[in-house]
Amino acid sequence: MGSTGGMGRTRAVVAVSGFRRKTRRHDVVIASDNMYLYENMDSHTAIAQTLDAVSNLRTQDRMKSLATESRLLLPGHDPAVFARSPHVSDRIVRIE
């Protein structure tokens, strides 16, 4: 179980899950497990599975500041990413 009550991850791993990718024109941030859904960003709510909601919101705010535009902050588990982005082919979208 570890220190996370059975979630299978330590705080250190969750704290660094997410990354920024510089494209030719933009900085895109993949939030991974720090922001599961667009709803987290739109309503500024922490993910339900966090041990520290204040820290999670601070991390979401930081990631939002790193993305060139808020639309380029992508949640880690929201199928709506496919609806909000141009389709390249089945289950592949272009983030631009």
Protein backbone atom coordinates (compact mmCIF):
# COMPACT_ATOMS: atom_id res chain seq x y z
CA MET A 1 0.00 0.00 0.00
CA GLY A 2 2.67 2.54 0.85
CA SER A 3 2.07 6.07 2.02
CA THR A 4 -0.69 6.81 -0.49
CA GLY A 5 -3.33 4.56 1.01
CA GLY A 6 -3.25 2.04 -1.81
CA MET A 7 -3.26 4.44 -4.78
CA GLY A 8 0.00 2.93 -5.99
CA ARG A 9 1.94 6.18 -6.31
CA THR A 10 4.02 8.24 -3.96
CA ARG A 11 3.61 11.98 -3.61
CA ALA A 12 6.91 12.54 -5.41
CA VAL A 13 5.75 10.72 -8.53
CA VAL A 14 2.39 12.50 -8.65
CA ALA A 15 4.08 15.86 -8.13
CA VAL A 16 6.09 15.56 -11.34
CA SER A 17 3.52 13.89 -13.59
CA GLY A 18 2.88 16.36 -16.37
CA PHE A 19 5.12 17.93 -18.97
CA ARG A 20 5.49 20.84 -21.37
CA ARG A 21 6.27 20.40 -25.06
CA LYS A 22 7.48 23.31 -27.13
CA THR A 23 6.16 23.24 -30.68
CA ARG A 24 7.11 25.64 -33.46
CA ARG A 25 4.47 28.12 -32.34
CA HIS A 26 3.27 27.15 -28.87
CA ASP A 27 4.01 25.61 -25.52
CA VAL A 28 1.65 22.68 -24.90
CA VAL A 29 1.28 21.23 -21.39
CA ILE A 30 0.07 17.67 -20.83
CA ALA A 31 -1.32 17.69 -17.29
CA SER A 32 -1.38 13.91 -16.90
CA ASP A 33 -2.56 13.00 -13.37
CA ASN A 34 -2.49 16.59 -12.08
CA MET A 35 -5.68 17.51 -13.97
CA TYR A 36 -7.90 14.66 -15.08
CA LEU A 37 -10.65 16.61 -16.86
CA TYR A 38 -11.29 19.97 -18.50
CA GLU A 39 -13.85 20.40 -15.71
CA ASN A 40 -10.98 20.64 -13.21
CA MET A 41 -9.55 23.59 -15.12
CA ASP A 42 -12.87 25.23 -16.05
CA SER A 43 -14.21 25.17 -12.47
CA HIS A 44 -10.78 25.41 -10.79
CA THR A 45 -11.31 22.28 -8.72
CA ALA A 46 -8.74 19.83 -7.49
CA ILE A 47 -8.81 16.23 -8.65
CA ALA A 48 -10.79 13.99 -6.30
CA GLN A 49 -7.87 11.59 -5.74
CA THR A 50 -5.43 14.14 -4.33
CA LEU A 51 -4.01 14.14 -0.83
CA ASP A 52 -3.51 17.92 -0.94
CA ALA A 53 -6.14 19.96 -2.83
CA VAL A 54 -4.33 23.27 -2.33
CA SER A 55 -1.11 21.89 -3.79
CA ASN A 56 -3.00 20.30 -6.69
CA LEU A 57 -4.67 23.62 -7.57
CA ARG A 58 -1.32 25.41 -7.31
CA THR A 59 0.16 22.86 -9.72
CA GLN A 60 -2.76 23.30 -12.14
CA ASP A 61 -2.26 27.10 -12.01
CA ARG A 62 1.45 26.70 -12.72
CA MET A 63 0.80 24.40 -15.66
CA LYS A 64 -1.75 26.86 -17.04
CA SER A 65 0.86 29.62 -16.85
CA LEU A 66 3.33 27.47 -18.80
CA ALA A 67 0.94 26.81 -21.70
CA THR A 68 0.89 29.49 -24.40
CA GLU A 69 -2.93 29.48 -24.23
CA SER A 70 -5.32 27.79 -21.81
CA ARG A 71 -6.63 25.59 -24.66
CA LEU A 72 -3.10 24.12 -24.82
CA LEU A 73 -3.29 22.75 -21.28
CA LEU A 74 -4.51 19.21 -21.88
CA PRO A 75 -6.03 17.07 -19.13
CA GLY A 76 -4.62 13.60 -18.74
CA HIS A 77 -7.83 11.57 -18.79
CA ASP A 78 -10.54 13.52 -20.60
CA PRO A 79 -11.94 12.04 -23.83
CA ALA A 80 -13.09 15.59 -24.66
CA VAL A 81 -9.53 16.24 -25.89
CA PHE A 82 -10.62 14.35 -29.01
CA ALA A 83 -13.71 16.54 -29.45
CA ARG A 84 -11.83 19.83 -28.92
CA SER A 85 -8.95 19.14 -31.31
CA PRO A 86 -8.76 18.67 -35.09
CA HIS A 87 -8.80 14.99 -36.11
CA VAL A 88 -5.87 13.53 -38.02
CA SER A 89 -7.34 10.03 -38.12
CA ASP A 90 -9.29 7.69 -35.85
CA ARG A 91 -8.23 8.39 -32.23
CA ILE A 92 -5.46 10.79 -33.30
CA VAL A 93 -5.79 14.57 -33.03
CA ARG A 94 -3.54 17.49 -33.82
CA ILE A 95 -2.71 19.82 -30.97
CA GLU A 96 -2.02 23.22 -32.50
